[in-house]
C-alpha atoms as a PDB file:
ATOM      1  CA  UNK A   1       0.063  -0.273   0.358  1.00  0.00           C
ATOM      2  CA  UNK A   2       2.663   2.438   1.025  1.00  0.00           C
ATOM      3  CA  UNK A   3       4.671   3.905  -1.841  1.00  0.00           C
ATOM      4  CA  UNK A   4       7.483   6.390  -0.907  1.00  0.00           C
ATOM      5  CA  UNK A   5       9.075   8.992  -3.497  1.00  0.00           C
ATOM      6  CA  UNK A   6      12.487  10.669  -3.106  1.00  0.00           C
ATOM      7  CA  UNK A   7      11.268  14.348  -1.754  1.00  0.00           C
ATOM      8  CA  UNK A   8      12.058  17.159  -3.050  1.00  0.00           C
ATOM      9  CA  UNK A   9      13.333  20.546  -1.832  1.00  0.00           C
ATOM     10  CA  UNK A  10      10.103  21.910  -0.405  1.00  0.00           C
ATOM     11  CA  UNK A  11       8.425  24.204  -3.171  1.00  0.00           C
ATOM     12  CA  UNK A  12       6.401  27.414  -2.171  1.00  0.00           C
ATOM     13  CA  UNK A  13       2.774  25.944  -3.583  1.00  0.00           C
ATOM     14  CA  UNK A  14       2.124  22.200  -3.878  1.00  0.00           C
ATOM     15  CA  UNK A  15      -0.181  20.059  -5.198  1.00  0.00           C
ATOM     16  CA  UNK A  16      -2.413  17.260  -3.321  1.00  0.00           C
ATOM     17  CA  UNK A  17      -0.997  14.258  -2.202  1.00  0.00           C
ATOM     18  CA  UNK A  18      -3.530  11.627  -1.035  1.00  0.00           C
ATOM     19  CA  UNK A  19      -2.679  10.359   2.636  1.00  0.00           C
ATOM     20  CA  UNK A  20      -0.153   7.213   1.971  1.00  0.00           C
ATOM     21  CA  UNK A  21       0.860   8.050  -1.569  1.00  0.00           C
ATOM     22  CA  UNK A  22       2.989  11.013  -2.302  1.00  0.00           C
ATOM     23  CA  UNK A  23       2.469  10.873  -5.797  1.00  0.00           C
ATOM     24  CA  UNK A  24       3.781  14.395  -6.014  1.00  0.00           C
ATOM     25  CA  UNK A  25       5.887  15.681  -2.839  1.00  0.00           C
ATOM     26  CA  UNK A  26       5.512  18.355  -0.902  1.00  0.00           C
ATOM     27  CA  UNK A  27       5.466  19.820   2.424  1.00  0.00           C
ATOM     28  CA  UNK A  28       2.354  19.802   3.628  1.00  0.00           C
ATOM     29  CA  UNK A  29       0.066  18.250   7.333  1.00  0.00           C
ATOM     30  CA  UNK A  30      -2.632  17.047   8.690  1.00  0.00           C
ATOM     31  CA  UNK A  31      -5.896  17.084  11.239  1.00  0.00           C
ATOM     32  CA  UNK A  32      -8.851  14.640  11.637  1.00  0.00           C
ATOM     33  CA  UNK A  33     -12.447  15.848  10.471  1.00  0.00           C
ATOM     34  CA  UNK A  34     -16.119  15.041  10.441  1.00  0.00           C
ATOM     35  CA  UNK A  35     -19.082  14.959   8.652  1.00  0.00           C
ATOM     36  CA  UNK A  36     -21.633  12.126   8.362  1.00  0.00           C
ATOM     37  CA  UNK A  37     -22.732  10.842   4.563  1.00  0.00           C
ATOM     38  CA  UNK A  38     -24.298   7.494   3.771  1.00  0.00           C
ATOM     39  CA  UNK A  39     -21.443   5.061   2.888  1.00  0.00           C
ATOM     40  CA  UNK A  40     -21.789   3.844  -0.890  1.00  0.00           C
ATOM     41  CA  UNK A  41     -20.964   0.365  -2.152  1.00  0.00           C
ATOM     42  CA  UNK A  42     -17.192  -0.364  -2.486  1.00  0.00           C
ATOM     43  CA  UNK A  43     -14.897  -3.003  -3.760  1.00  0.00           C
ATOM     44  CA  UNK A  44     -13.248  -4.830  -0.378  1.00  0.00           C
ATOM     45  CA  UNK A  45      -9.290  -4.149   0.032  1.00  0.00           C
ATOM     46  CA  UNK A  46      -8.231  -7.419  -1.498  1.00  0.00           C
ATOM     47  CA  UNK A  47      -4.355  -8.489  -0.441  1.00  0.00           C
ATOM     48  CA  UNK A  48      -2.508 -10.636  -3.191  1.00  0.00           C
ATOM     49  CA  UNK A  49      -3.167 -14.601  -2.713  1.00  0.00           C
ATOM     50  CA  UNK A  50      -0.988 -16.085  -0.068  1.00  0.00           C
ATOM     51  CA  UNK A  51       0.289 -12.978   1.434  1.00  0.00           C
ATOM     52  CA  UNK A  52      -1.309 -12.125   5.007  1.00  0.00           C
ATOM     53  CA  UNK A  53      -1.871  -8.527   5.698  1.00  0.00           C
ATOM     54  CA  UNK A  54       1.666  -8.354   7.756  1.00  0.00           C
ATOM     55  CA  UNK A  55       4.020  -9.946   5.410  1.00  0.00           C
ATOM     56  CA  UNK A  56       6.182  -7.563   4.481  1.00  0.00           C
ATOM     57  CA  UNK A  57       6.131  -6.083   7.789  1.00  0.00           C
ATOM     58  CA  UNK A  58       9.178  -5.904  10.543  1.00  0.00           C
ATOM     59  CA  UNK A  59       7.603  -3.673  12.651  1.00  0.00           C
ATOM     60  CA  UNK A  60       4.193  -3.797  14.965  1.00  0.00           C
ATOM     61  CA  UNK A  61       2.063  -0.976  16.921  1.00  0.00           C
ATOM     62  CA  UNK A  62      -0.555  -2.789  18.153  1.00  0.00           C
ATOM     63  CA  UNK A  63      -3.435  -0.664  19.972  1.00  0.00           C
ATOM     64  CA  UNK A  64      -5.652  -3.065  21.976  1.00  0.00           C
ATOM     65  CA  UNK A  65      -9.121  -1.907  24.027  1.00  0.00           C
ATOM     66  CA  UNK A  66     -11.067  -3.816  26.464  1.00  0.00           C
ATOM     67  CA  UNK A  67     -14.024  -3.485  24.134  1.00  0.00           C
ATOM     68  CA  UNK A  68     -15.184  -2.103  20.588  1.00  0.00           C
ATOM     69  CA  UNK A  69     -17.256   0.747  23.331  1.00  0.00           C
ATOM     70  CA  UNK A  70     -13.659   1.663  24.993  1.00  0.00           C
ATOM     71  CA  UNK A  71     -12.110   5.272  24.196  1.00  0.00           C
ATOM     72  CA  UNK A  72      -8.736   4.228  25.953  1.00  0.00           C
ATOM     73  CA  UNK A  73      -6.334   1.444  25.646  1.00  0.00           C
ATOM     74  CA  UNK A  74      -2.568   0.285  25.572  1.00  0.00           C
ATOM     75  CA  UNK A  75       0.536   0.904  22.784  1.00  0.00           C
ATOM     76  CA  UNK A  76       2.549  -1.798  22.256  1.00  0.00           C
ATOM     77  CA  UNK A  77       5.644  -1.719  20.425  1.00  0.00           C
ATOM     78  CA  UNK A  78       6.526  -5.217  18.118  1.00  0.00           C
ATOM     79  CA  UNK A  79       9.878  -6.323  15.680  1.00  0.00           C
ATOM     80  CA  UNK A  80      11.159  -9.058  14.156  1.00  0.00           C
ATOM     81  CA  UNK A  81      14.512  -9.354  12.645  1.00  0.00           C
ATOM     82  CA  UNK A  82      13.199 -11.015   9.256  1.00  0.00           C
ATOM     83  CA  UNK A  83       9.100 -11.528   7.727  1.00  0.00           C
ATOM     84  CA  UNK A  84       9.707 -15.412   8.848  1.00  0.00           C
ATOM     85  CA  UNK A  85      10.985 -15.155  12.354  1.00  0.00           C
ATOM     86  CA  UNK A  86       8.780 -14.079  15.650  1.00  0.00           C
ATOM     87  CA  UNK A  87       7.325 -11.093  16.893  1.00  0.00           C
ATOM     88  CA  UNK A  88       8.973  -9.760  20.280  1.00  0.00           C
ATOM     89  CA  UNK A  89       7.976  -7.049  22.069  1.00  0.00           C
ATOM     90  CA  UNK A  90       9.962  -3.653  22.660  1.00  0.00           C
ATOM     91  CA  UNK A  91       9.690  -1.668  25.419  1.00  0.00           C
ATOM     92  CA  UNK A  92       6.647  -1.770  27.720  1.00  0.00           C
ATOM     93  CA  UNK A  93       3.376  -1.040  26.604  1.00  0.00           C
ATOM     94  CA  UNK A  94       1.988   2.742  27.059  1.00  0.00           C
ATOM     95  CA  UNK A  95      -1.510   4.439  27.411  1.00  0.00           C
ATOM     96  CA  UNK A  96      -3.342   5.836  24.590  1.00  0.00           C
ATOM     97  CA  UNK A  97      -6.681   7.435  23.754  1.00  0.00           C
ATOM     98  CA  UNK A  98      -9.235   6.753  20.900  1.00  0.00           C
ATOM     99  CA  UNK A  99     -12.580   7.967  19.013  1.00  0.00           C
ATOM    100  CA  UNK A 100     -14.629   9.315  21.517  1.00  0.00           C
ATOM    101  CA  UNK A 101     -17.341   6.413  20.557  1.00  0.00           C
ATOM    102  CA  UNK A 102     -14.824   3.639  20.479  1.00  0.00           C
ATOM    103  CA  UNK A 103     -13.735   1.564  17.628  1.00  0.00           C
ATOM    104  CA  UNK A 104     -15.685   0.390  14.054  1.00  0.00           C
ATOM    105  CA  UNK A 105     -13.870  -1.191  11.229  1.00  0.00           C
ATOM    106  CA  UNK A 106     -11.875   0.785   9.168  1.00  0.00           C
ATOM    107  CA  UNK A 107     -10.445   0.060   5.625  1.00  0.00           C
ATOM    108  CA  UNK A 108      -6.896  -1.149   5.119  1.00  0.00           C
ATOM    109  CA  UNK A 109      -4.890  -4.141   4.843  1.00  0.00           C
ATOM    110  CA  UNK A 110      -6.855  -6.361   6.547  1.00  0.00           C
ATOM    111  CA  UNK A 111     -10.049  -6.688   3.907  1.00  0.00           C
ATOM    112  CA  UNK A 112     -13.412  -6.940   4.316  1.00  0.00           C
ATOM    113  CA  UNK A 113     -14.647  -7.453   8.045  1.00  0.00           C
ATOM    114  CA  UNK A 114     -17.882  -9.764   9.214  1.00  0.00           C
ATOM    115  CA  UNK A 115     -20.880  -8.094   6.907  1.00  0.00           C
ATOM    116  CA  UNK A 116     -22.710  -7.983  10.324  1.00  0.00           C
ATOM    117  CA  UNK A 117     -20.047  -5.813  12.175  1.00  0.00           C
ATOM    118  CA  UNK A 118     -19.928  -1.820  12.139  1.00  0.00           C
ATOM    119  CA  UNK A 119     -18.011  -0.162   9.552  1.00  0.00           C
ATOM    120  CA  UNK A 120     -16.119   3.547  10.213  1.00  0.00           C
ATOM    121  CA  UNK A 121     -17.990   6.361   8.836  1.00  0.00           C
ATOM    122  CA  UNK A 122     -17.138  10.221   8.282  1.00  0.00           C
ATOM    123  CA  UNK A 123     -18.197  11.544  11.507  1.00  0.00           C
ATOM    124  CA  UNK A 124     -18.862   8.607  13.869  1.00  0.00           C
ATOM    125  CA  UNK A 125     -16.047   9.515  16.193  1.00  0.00           C
ATOM    126  CA  UNK A 126     -14.839   6.401  16.062  1.00  0.00           C
ATOM    127  CA  UNK A 127     -11.473   5.111  15.538  1.00  0.00           C
ATOM    128  CA  UNK A 128     -10.260   2.400  12.622  1.00  0.00           C
ATOM    129  CA  UNK A 129      -9.623  -1.360  13.764  1.00  0.00           C
ATOM    130  CA  UNK A 130      -7.834  -3.388  11.850  1.00  0.00           C
ATOM    131  CA  UNK A 131      -4.513  -3.477  10.205  1.00  0.00           C
ATOM    132  CA  UNK A 132      -2.820   0.027   8.482  1.00  0.00           C
ATOM    133  CA  UNK A 133       0.371   1.183   7.338  1.00  0.00           C
ATOM    134  CA  UNK A 134       2.138   3.427   8.452  1.00  0.00           C
ATOM    135  CA  UNK A 135       3.555   6.154   5.415  1.00  0.00           C
ATOM    136  CA  UNK A 136       4.599   9.110   6.883  1.00  0.00           C
ATOM    137  CA  UNK A 137       5.498  11.348  10.072  1.00  0.00           C
ATOM    138  CA  UNK A 138       4.630  15.196  10.626  1.00  0.00           C
ATOM    139  CA  UNK A 139       5.448  18.138  12.871  1.00  0.00           C
ATOM    140  CA  UNK A 140       5.527  21.748  13.571  1.00  0.00           C
ATOM    141  CA  UNK A 141       9.662  21.916  13.522  1.00  0.00           C
ATOM    142  CA  UNK A 142      10.933  22.346  10.122  1.00  0.00           C
ATOM    143  CA  UNK A 143      12.173  19.367  10.520  1.00  0.00           C
ATOM    144  CA  UNK A 144      12.176  16.211  12.678  1.00  0.00           C
ATOM    145  CA  UNK A 145      15.348  15.265  14.629  1.00  0.00           C
ATOM    146  CA  UNK A 146      15.245  11.215  13.460  1.00  0.00           C
ATOM    147  CA  UNK A 147      14.987  12.444   9.794  1.00  0.00           C
ATOM    148  CA  UNK A 148      18.944  12.931   9.952  1.00  0.00           C
ATOM    149  CA  UNK A 149      18.869   9.500   9.375  1.00  0.00           C
ATOM    150  CA  UNK A 150      18.116   7.281   6.245  1.00  0.00           C
ATOM    151  CA  UNK A 151      15.188   4.974   7.659  1.00  0.00           C
ATOM    152  CA  UNK A 152      13.432   7.688   8.738  1.00  0.00           C
ATOM    153  CA  UNK A 153       9.453   7.859   7.682  1.00  0.00           C
ATOM    154  CA  UNK A 154       9.474  10.654   5.395  1.00  0.00           C
ATOM    155  CA  UNK A 155       8.547  13.740   7.698  1.00  0.00           C
ATOM    156  CA  UNK A 156       5.749  16.647   6.287  1.00  0.00           C
ATOM    157  CA  UNK A 157       6.137  19.828   7.923  1.00  0.00           C
ATOM    158  CA  UNK A 158       2.695  21.784   8.959  1.00  0.00           C
ATOM    159  CA  UNK A 159       2.460  24.873   7.535  1.00  0.00           C
ATOM    160  CA  UNK A 160      -0.474  27.709   8.141  1.00  0.00           C
ATOM    161  CA  UNK A 161      -1.888  26.965   4.499  1.00  0.00           C
ATOM    162  CA  UNK A 162      -2.186  23.346   5.225  1.00  0.00           C
ATOM    163  CA  UNK A 163      -5.580  21.310   5.276  1.00  0.00           C
ATOM    164  CA  UNK A 164      -6.786  18.244   5.688  1.00  0.00           C
ATOM    165  CA  UNK A 165      -9.732  17.596   3.627  1.00  0.00           C
ATOM    166  CA  UNK A 166     -12.913  16.202   5.051  1.00  0.00           C
ATOM    167  CA  UNK A 167     -15.486  16.827   2.755  1.00  0.00           C
ATOM    168  CA  UNK A 168     -16.761  13.304   0.840  1.00  0.00           C
ATOM    169  CA  UNK A 169     -17.863  15.673  -1.831  1.00  0.00           C
ATOM    170  CA  UNK A 170     -14.279  16.993  -2.869  1.00  0.00           C
ATOM    171  CA  UNK A 171     -11.935  15.068  -5.535  1.00  0.00           C
ATOM    172  CA  UNK A 172      -9.608  15.839  -2.868  1.00  0.00           C
ATOM    173  CA  UNK A 173     -10.947  14.000   0.301  1.00  0.00           C
ATOM    174  CA  UNK A 174      -8.813  12.194   3.071  1.00  0.00           C
ATOM    175  CA  UNK A 175      -5.941  14.550   1.339  1.00  0.00           C
ATOM    176  CA  UNK A 176      -3.583  16.364   3.056  1.00  0.00           C
ATOM    177  CA  UNK A 177      -2.564  19.349   1.063  1.00  0.00           C
ATOM    178  CA  UNK A 178      -1.211  22.945   0.352  1.00  0.00           C
ATOM    179  CA  UNK A 179      -4.436  24.826  -0.189  1.00  0.00           C
ATOM    180  CA  UNK A 180      -2.565  27.497  -1.826  1.00  0.00           C
ATOM    181  CA  UNK A 181      -1.589  24.912  -4.621  1.00  0.00           C
ATOM    182  CA  UNK A 182      -4.977  23.905  -5.422  1.00  0.00           C
ATOM    183  CA  UNK A 183      -8.502  25.141  -6.523  1.00  0.00           C
ATOM    184  CA  UNK A 184     -10.570  24.770  -3.639  1.00  0.00           C
ATOM    185  CA  UNK A 185     -13.774  22.417  -4.324  1.00  0.00           C
ATOM    186  CA  UNK A 186     -14.378  21.525  -0.394  1.00  0.00           C
ATOM    187  CA  UNK A 187     -16.502  22.944   2.336  1.00  0.00           C
ATOM    188  CA  UNK A 188     -15.193  21.244   4.794  1.00  0.00           C
ATOM    189  CA  UNK A 189     -11.505  21.157   6.126  1.00  0.00           C
ATOM    190  CA  UNK A 190      -9.149  21.858   9.382  1.00  0.00           C
ATOM    191  CA  UNK A 191      -6.180  23.603   9.890  1.00  0.00           C
ATOM    192  CA  UNK A 192      -3.078  21.529  10.132  1.00  0.00           C
ATOM    193  CA  UNK A 193      -1.049  24.168  12.518  1.00  0.00           C
ATOM    194  CA  UNK A 194      -3.336  24.019  15.381  1.00  0.00           C
ATOM    195  CA  UNK A 195      -2.525  26.592  18.124  1.00  0.00           C
ATOM    196  CA  UNK A 196      -1.508  23.710  20.790  1.00  0.00           C
ATOM    197  CA  UNK A 197       0.528  20.911  21.364  1.00  0.00           C
ATOM    198  CA  UNK A 198      -2.066  18.081  19.862  1.00  0.00           C
ATOM    199  CA  UNK A 199      -0.153  17.908  16.482  1.00  0.00           C
ATOM    200  CA  UNK A 200       3.221  19.245  17.180  1.00  0.00           C
ATOM    201  CA  UNK A 201       4.453  15.727  15.953  1.00  0.00           C
ATOM    202  CA  UNK A 202       2.408  12.619  14.786  1.00  0.00           C
ATOM    203  CA  UNK A 203       1.982   9.625  12.124  1.00  0.00           C
ATOM    204  CA  UNK A 204      -0.280   9.401   9.325  1.00  0.00           C
ATOM    205  CA  UNK A 205      -2.308   6.244   9.070  1.00  0.00           C
ATOM    206  CA  UNK A 206      -3.190   4.827   6.236  1.00  0.00           C
ATOM    207  CA  UNK A 207      -6.280   4.856   6.556  1.00  0.00           C
ATOM    208  CA  UNK A 208      -9.197   4.834   3.366  1.00  0.00           C
ATOM    209  CA  UNK A 209      -6.232   4.821   0.792  1.00  0.00           C
ATOM    210  CA  UNK A 210      -5.955   3.734  -2.552  1.00  0.00           C
ATOM    211  CA  UNK A 211      -8.967   4.875  -3.582  1.00  0.00           C
ATOM    212  CA  UNK A 212     -10.399   6.637  -0.730  1.00  0.00           C
ATOM    213  CA  UNK A 213     -14.096   5.866  -0.343  1.00  0.00           C
ATOM    214  CA  UNK A 214     -16.090   9.177   0.388  1.00  0.00           C
ATOM    215  CA  UNK A 215     -17.140   8.708   3.757  1.00  0.00           C
ATOM    216  CA  UNK A 216     -15.304   5.751   4.948  1.00  0.00           C
ATOM    217  CA  UNK A 217     -13.633   8.498   7.395  1.00  0.00           C
ATOM    218  CA  UNK A 218     -10.880  10.253   6.844  1.00  0.00           C
ATOM    219  CA  UNK A 219      -7.680  11.637   8.489  1.00  0.00           C
ATOM    220  CA  UNK A 220      -6.634   9.459  11.066  1.00  0.00           C
ATOM    221  CA  UNK A 221      -3.410   9.927  12.711  1.00  0.00           C
ATOM    222  CA  UNK A 222      -1.300   8.595  16.002  1.00  0.00           C
ATOM    223  CA  UNK A 223      -0.584  12.342  17.682  1.00  0.00           C
ATOM    224  CA  UNK A 224      -0.356  13.924  21.082  1.00  0.00           C
ATOM    225  CA  UNK A 225      -3.392  13.621  23.699  1.00  0.00           C
ATOM    226  CA  UNK A 226      -5.367  16.538  25.095  1.00  0.00           C
ATOM    227  CA  UNK A 227      -4.759  14.665  28.581  1.00  0.00           C
ATOM    228  CA  UNK A 228      -5.405  11.206  29.700  1.00  0.00           C
ATOM    229  CA  UNK A 229      -9.074  11.486  29.804  1.00  0.00           C
ATOM    230  CA  UNK A 230      -9.964  13.330  26.510  1.00  0.00           C
ATOM    231  CA  UNK A 231     -11.142  11.662  23.511  1.00  0.00           C
ATOM    232  CA  UNK A 232     -10.465  12.349  20.059  1.00  0.00           C
ATOM    233  CA  UNK A 233     -12.579  12.339  16.637  1.00  0.00           C
ATOM    234  CA  UNK A 234     -11.200   9.021  15.649  1.00  0.00           C
ATOM    235  CA  UNK A 235      -7.450   9.249  16.040  1.00  0.00           C
ATOM    236  CA  UNK A 236      -5.107   7.573  18.466  1.00  0.00           C
ATOM    237  CA  UNK A 237      -3.555   9.801  20.817  1.00  0.00           C
ATOM    238  CA  UNK A 238      -1.174   9.819  23.835  1.00  0.00           C
ATOM    239  CA  UNK A 239       1.319  11.568  26.011  1.00  0.00           C
ATOM    240  CA  UNK A 240       3.808  13.450  23.828  1.00  0.00           C
ATOM    241  CA  UNK A 241       6.957  11.887  25.396  1.00  0.00           C
ATOM    242  CA  UNK A 242       5.244   8.345  24.566  1.00  0.00           C
ATOM    243  CA  UNK A 243       4.751   9.302  20.940  1.00  0.00           C
ATOM    244  CA  UNK A 244       8.341  10.860  20.373  1.00  0.00           C
ATOM    245  CA  UNK A 245       9.798   7.521  21.267  1.00  0.00           C
ATOM    246  CA  UNK A 246       7.297   6.004  18.782  1.00  0.00           C
ATOM    247  CA  UNK A 247       7.888   8.221  16.015  1.00  0.00           C
ATOM    248  CA  UNK A 248      11.763   8.006  16.576  1.00  0.00           C
ATOM    249  CA  UNK A 249      11.758   4.016  16.389  1.00  0.00           C
ATOM    250  CA  UNK A 250       9.807   3.801  13.075  1.00  0.00           C
ATOM    251  CA  UNK A 251      11.607   2.219  10.424  1.00  0.00           C
ATOM    252  CA  UNK A 252      10.671   2.700   6.575  1.00  0.00           C
ATOM    253  CA  UNK A 253      12.703  -0.388   5.875  1.00  0.00           C
ATOM    254  CA  UNK A 254      10.598  -2.274   7.845  1.00  0.00           C
ATOM    255  CA  UNK A 255       7.042  -1.417   6.492  1.00  0.00           C
ATOM    256  CA  UNK A 256       5.718  -0.545   9.702  1.00  0.00           C
ATOM    257  CA  UNK A 257       2.209  -1.275  10.315  1.00  0.00           C
ATOM    258  CA  UNK A 258      -0.709  -0.473  12.923  1.00  0.00           C
ATOM    259  CA  UNK A 259      -2.814  -2.906  14.030  1.00  0.00           C
ATOM    260  CA  UNK A 260      -5.676  -1.472  16.716  1.00  0.00           C
ATOM    261  CA  UNK A 261      -8.724  -4.005  17.858  1.00  0.00           C
ATOM    262  CA  UNK A 262     -10.218  -4.752  20.890  1.00  0.00           C
ATOM    263  CA  UNK A 263      -8.235  -7.689  22.747  1.00  0.00           C
ATOM    264  CA  UNK A 264     -10.937 -10.444  21.721  1.00  0.00           C
ATOM    265  CA  UNK A 265     -11.337  -9.061  18.210  1.00  0.00           C
ATOM    266  CA  UNK A 266      -7.461  -9.707  18.461  1.00  0.00           C
ATOM    267  CA  UNK A 267      -6.998 -12.875  20.381  1.00  0.00           C
ATOM    268  CA  UNK A 268      -9.587 -14.323  17.145  1.00  0.00           C
ATOM    269  CA  UNK A 269      -7.845 -12.956  14.928  1.00  0.00           C
ATOM    270  CA  UNK A 270      -4.148 -13.914  16.132  1.00  0.00           C
ATOM    271  CA  UNK A 271      -3.550 -17.087  14.758  1.00  0.00           C
ATOM    272  CA  UNK A 272      -5.190 -16.171  10.882  1.00  0.00           C
ATOM    273  CA  UNK A 273      -3.203 -13.203  10.797  1.00  0.00           C
ATOM    274  CA  UNK A 274       0.020 -14.189  12.765  1.00  0.00           C
ATOM    275  CA  UNK A 275      -0.008 -11.450  15.317  1.00  0.00           C
ATOM    276  CA  UNK A 276       2.300 -11.782  18.168  1.00  0.00           C
ATOM    277  CA  UNK A 277       1.387 -13.034  21.586  1.00  0.00           C
ATOM    278  CA  UNK A 278       0.364  -9.270  23.461  1.00  0.00           C
ATOM    279  CA  UNK A 279       2.704  -9.359  27.076  1.00  0.00           C
ATOM    280  CA  UNK A 280       1.122  -8.885  30.390  1.00  0.00           C
ATOM    281  CA  UNK A 281       1.910  -5.104  30.363  1.00  0.00           C
ATOM    282  CA  UNK A 282      -0.489  -4.659  27.285  1.00  0.00           C
ATOM    283  CA  UNK A 283      -3.526  -7.022  28.369  1.00  0.00           C
ATOM    284  CA  UNK A 284      -4.928  -3.996  30.909  1.00  0.00           C
END
């Protein structure tokens, strides 16, 4: 799913880039948006035959919750030496907060969920459940300190003109862009350069991409929380120090993935998806 191209010098005005695909490189940033619309019928996201959803990955960010309705969870990092090796935990688990309405199945690398189970919709206040690539990191600074290493995920600098389009009727839906470089066709978007620290650093979650399904949910990130008792509009958020450690650890050559599920759903899919066993600190 992830396509990373070489990064040119930052232009003054840039064209849009759909989340997770850097078809045109630019310095832009992001945020979460909401607007409820009915979901049209769409084809399922299908993995190549014989390849599991975690087949190419050697880094996992696993978020588990007590239930589908939970707004808090635990984040545990995992890595493995090769795609054939066993997963092992990295560092301690840390607390995160999620959408104000809990979790619902998102559109990612896991394919179609059971027909009877709830799908994520724009504006539903739910964080996406499933498996997703982590494609880029972002922040307010000119550059992220770890971009000095060759393996760090591509970095996007937040600028005052950077927006995340959450209007499902726009051709730029679920896209990070600099509004000065495109013809505006949306009625709903958010400024990505905030006055607070919530988006000072974060990572882009490739939910509902390639192509984006209108109304399927947009602009999903891992970022800094407002507080341990806060919730989000659909993102996953944690303490700033924990998020900084996570971002510095992510390695583009290891194809990092986010696995986000209630614990019962995680355990039920552990064998099929070849998920790592949760250490005691991640079980809550």
